Amino acid sequence: MPVGLFGANTGVGAALLAAAQQPRSFRAIVGRAGRPDLAGSSIRRVMAPTLLIVGERDEQVLDINRRAAERMLSDVRLEVVAGATHFFTEPGALDRVADLAADWFRQRLTLG
């Protein structure tokens, strides 16, 4: 079975580090409002397609994710949820995160 990783906050760094250490073990990664920078230089060894999701009003974390995405060599996409803050507490924001993550995994973790 294909395996994906999901991390939130500092867990994004941990997910990316795990993917860098075992690059053939994971087929997709999703990070929500996270700290991909915590993976350090290992981020360049991540092979799995990665989706980074950040709230539009979470400016510091958005900047961190933009810089991390620029450093990554894998297929990486940054999705910014309009009007959302760090915890996505705004109406519909967390639903948007769930939809984005589910679509990402559905497209990349299919068998065949």
C-alpha atoms as a PDB file:
ATOM      1  CA  MET A   1       0.000   0.000   0.000  1.00  0.00           C
ATOM      2  CA  PRO A   2       1.296   3.478  -0.804  1.00  0.00           C
ATOM      3  CA  VAL A   3       1.976   5.573   2.280  1.00  0.00           C
ATOM      4  CA  GLY A   4       1.465   9.288   2.829  1.00  0.00           C
ATOM      5  CA  LEU A   5       2.483  11.553   5.691  1.00  0.00           C
ATOM      6  CA  PHE A   6       0.508  14.381   7.262  1.00  0.00           C
ATOM      7  CA  GLY A   7       2.062  16.825   9.689  1.00  0.00           C
ATOM      8  CA  ALA A   8       0.837  19.956  11.415  1.00  0.00           C
ATOM      9  CA  ASN A   9       2.869  22.710  13.045  1.00  0.00           C
ATOM     10  CA  THR A  10       6.285  21.289  14.043  1.00  0.00           C
ATOM     11  CA  GLY A  11       5.088  17.891  12.801  1.00  0.00           C
ATOM     12  CA  VAL A  12       5.610  19.133   9.239  1.00  0.00           C
ATOM     13  CA  GLY A  13       9.351  19.238   9.864  1.00  0.00           C
ATOM     14  CA  ALA A  14       9.216  15.724  11.320  1.00  0.00           C
ATOM     15  CA  ALA A  15       7.255  14.387   8.334  1.00  0.00           C
ATOM     16  CA  LEU A  16       9.737  15.907   5.885  1.00  0.00           C
ATOM     17  CA  LEU A  17      12.678  14.577   7.860  1.00  0.00           C
ATOM     18  CA  ALA A  18      11.184  11.062   7.841  1.00  0.00           C
ATOM     19  CA  ALA A  19      10.596  11.328   4.093  1.00  0.00           C
ATOM     20  CA  ALA A  20      14.166  12.498   3.544  1.00  0.00           C
ATOM     21  CA  GLN A  21      15.559   9.599   5.570  1.00  0.00           C
ATOM     22  CA  GLN A  22      13.451   7.006   3.718  1.00  0.00           C
ATOM     23  CA  PRO A  23      12.821   8.635   0.331  1.00  0.00           C
ATOM     24  CA  ARG A  24      11.306   5.570  -1.325  1.00  0.00           C
ATOM     25  CA  SER A  25       8.906   4.792   1.531  1.00  0.00           C
ATOM     26  CA  PHE A  26       6.454   7.652   1.106  1.00  0.00           C
ATOM     27  CA  ARG A  27       4.404   8.701  -1.919  1.00  0.00           C
ATOM     28  CA  ALA A  28       2.851  11.961  -0.677  1.00  0.00           C
ATOM     29  CA  ILE A  29       3.191  14.522   2.103  1.00  0.00           C
ATOM     30  CA  VAL A  30       0.804  17.179   3.383  1.00  0.00           C
ATOM     31  CA  GLY A  31       1.864  19.860   5.848  1.00  0.00           C
ATOM     32  CA  ARG A  32      -0.626  22.156   7.576  1.00  0.00           C
ATOM     33  CA  ALA A  33       0.466  25.503   9.067  1.00  0.00           C
ATOM     34  CA  GLY A  34       3.849  24.033   9.688  1.00  0.00           C
ATOM     35  CA  ARG A  35       7.523  24.453  10.088  1.00  0.00           C
ATOM     36  CA  PRO A  36       9.148  22.689   7.127  1.00  0.00           C
ATOM     37  CA  ASP A  37      12.333  24.580   7.939  1.00  0.00           C
ATOM     38  CA  LEU A  38      12.821  22.264  10.932  1.00  0.00           C
ATOM     39  CA  ALA A  39      13.837  19.527   8.467  1.00  0.00           C
ATOM     40  CA  GLY A  40      16.986  21.569   7.812  1.00  0.00           C
ATOM     41  CA  SER A  41      19.102  20.666   4.816  1.00  0.00           C
ATOM     42  CA  SER A  42      17.372  17.271   4.654  1.00  0.00           C
ATOM     43  CA  ILE A  43      14.475  19.002   2.917  1.00  0.00           C
ATOM     44  CA  ARG A  44      16.402  18.756  -0.356  1.00  0.00           C
ATOM     45  CA  ARG A  45      16.327  14.930  -0.144  1.00  0.00           C
ATOM     46  CA  VAL A  46      12.536  14.688   0.016  1.00  0.00           C
ATOM     47  CA  MET A  47      11.307  12.913  -3.105  1.00  0.00           C
ATOM     48  CA  ALA A  48       7.588  12.636  -2.346  1.00  0.00           C
ATOM     49  CA  PRO A  49       5.204  15.227  -3.800  1.00  0.00           C
ATOM     50  CA  THR A  50       4.516  17.709  -1.014  1.00  0.00           C
ATOM     51  CA  LEU A  51       1.564  19.998  -0.356  1.00  0.00           C
ATOM     52  CA  LEU A  52       2.098  22.830   2.121  1.00  0.00           C
ATOM     53  CA  ILE A  53      -1.105  24.488   3.375  1.00  0.00           C
ATOM     54  CA  VAL A  54      -0.941  27.819   5.195  1.00  0.00           C
ATOM     55  CA  GLY A  55      -3.459  30.446   6.220  1.00  0.00           C
ATOM     56  CA  GLU A  56      -3.266  33.744   4.372  1.00  0.00           C
ATOM     57  CA  ARG A  57      -3.154  35.715   7.629  1.00  0.00           C
ATOM     58  CA  ASP A  58      -0.441  33.511   9.171  1.00  0.00           C
ATOM     59  CA  GLU A  59       2.251  35.720   7.680  1.00  0.00           C
ATOM     60  CA  GLN A  60       5.334  34.410   9.487  1.00  0.00           C
ATOM     61  CA  VAL A  61       4.525  30.753   8.791  1.00  0.00           C
ATOM     62  CA  LEU A  62       3.566  31.616   5.201  1.00  0.00           C
ATOM     63  CA  ASP A  63       6.994  33.167   4.679  1.00  0.00           C
ATOM     64  CA  ILE A  64       8.713  30.112   6.201  1.00  0.00           C
ATOM     65  CA  ASN A  65       6.739  27.803   3.882  1.00  0.00           C
ATOM     66  CA  ARG A  66       7.493  29.896   0.790  1.00  0.00           C
ATOM     67  CA  ARG A  67      11.209  29.750   1.521  1.00  0.00           C
ATOM     68  CA  ALA A  68      11.073  26.008   2.209  1.00  0.00           C
ATOM     69  CA  ALA A  69       9.167  25.329  -1.022  1.00  0.00           C
ATOM     70  CA  GLU A  70      11.865  27.168  -2.970  1.00  0.00           C
ATOM     71  CA  ARG A  71      14.514  24.871  -1.469  1.00  0.00           C
ATOM     72  CA  MET A  72      12.702  21.627  -2.202  1.00  0.00           C
ATOM     73  CA  LEU A  73      13.615  19.603  -5.276  1.00  0.00           C
ATOM     74  CA  SER A  74      10.487  17.438  -5.295  1.00  0.00           C
ATOM     75  CA  ASP A  75       7.085  18.343  -6.682  1.00  0.00           C
ATOM     76  CA  VAL A  76       5.880  20.887  -4.133  1.00  0.00           C
ATOM     77  CA  ARG A  77       2.790  23.074  -4.030  1.00  0.00           C
ATOM     78  CA  LEU A  78       1.953  25.824  -1.569  1.00  0.00           C
ATOM     79  CA  GLU A  79      -1.767  26.393  -0.997  1.00  0.00           C
ATOM     80  CA  VAL A  80      -2.784  29.556   0.807  1.00  0.00           C
ATOM     81  CA  VAL A  81      -6.221  29.447   2.425  1.00  0.00           C
ATOM     82  CA  ALA A  82      -7.801  32.867   1.946  1.00  0.00           C
ATOM     83  CA  GLY A  83      -8.553  34.786   5.136  1.00  0.00           C
ATOM     84  CA  ALA A  84      -7.337  31.989   7.412  1.00  0.00           C
ATOM     85  CA  THR A  85      -5.119  32.364  10.470  1.00  0.00           C
ATOM     86  CA  HIS A  86      -2.714  29.832  11.966  1.00  0.00           C
ATOM     87  CA  PHE A  87      -5.314  27.473  13.449  1.00  0.00           C
ATOM     88  CA  PHE A  88      -7.851  27.805  10.602  1.00  0.00           C
ATOM     89  CA  THR A  89     -10.635  28.682  13.043  1.00  0.00           C
ATOM     90  CA  GLU A  90     -12.473  30.858  10.523  1.00  0.00           C
ATOM     91  CA  PRO A  91     -15.723  29.409   9.124  1.00  0.00           C
ATOM     92  CA  GLY A  92     -14.931  26.918   6.372  1.00  0.00           C
ATOM     93  CA  ALA A  93     -11.149  27.237   6.659  1.00  0.00           C
ATOM     94  CA  LEU A  94     -10.480  23.847   8.220  1.00  0.00           C
ATOM     95  CA  ASP A  95     -12.900  22.251   5.755  1.00  0.00           C
ATOM     96  CA  ARG A  96     -10.780  23.741   2.967  1.00  0.00           C
ATOM     97  CA  VAL A  97      -7.636  22.238   4.525  1.00  0.00           C
ATOM     98  CA  ALA A  98      -9.317  18.832   4.735  1.00  0.00           C
ATOM     99  CA  ASP A  99     -10.464  19.010   1.106  1.00  0.00           C
ATOM    100  CA  LEU A 100      -7.005  20.016  -0.133  1.00  0.00           C
ATOM    101  CA  ALA A 101      -5.291  17.254   1.853  1.00  0.00           C
ATOM    102  CA  ALA A 102      -7.802  14.597   0.789  1.00  0.00           C
ATOM    103  CA  ASP A 103      -7.465  15.548  -2.879  1.00  0.00           C
ATOM    104  CA  TRP A 104      -3.662  15.510  -2.663  1.00  0.00           C
ATOM    105  CA  PHE A 105      -3.605  12.057  -1.088  1.00  0.00           C
ATOM    106  CA  ARG A 106      -6.339  10.700  -3.378  1.00  0.00           C
ATOM    107  CA  GLN A 107      -4.393  11.725  -6.485  1.00  0.00           C
ATOM    108  CA  ARG A 108      -1.033  10.437  -5.278  1.00  0.00           C
ATOM    109  CA  LEU A 109      -1.836   7.357  -3.224  1.00  0.00           C
ATOM    110  CA  THR A 110      -3.916   5.477  -5.753  1.00  0.00           C
ATOM    111  CA  LEU A 111      -2.929   1.922  -6.504  1.00  0.00           C
ATOM    112  CA  GLY A 112      -2.022   1.070 -10.023  1.00  0.00           C
END
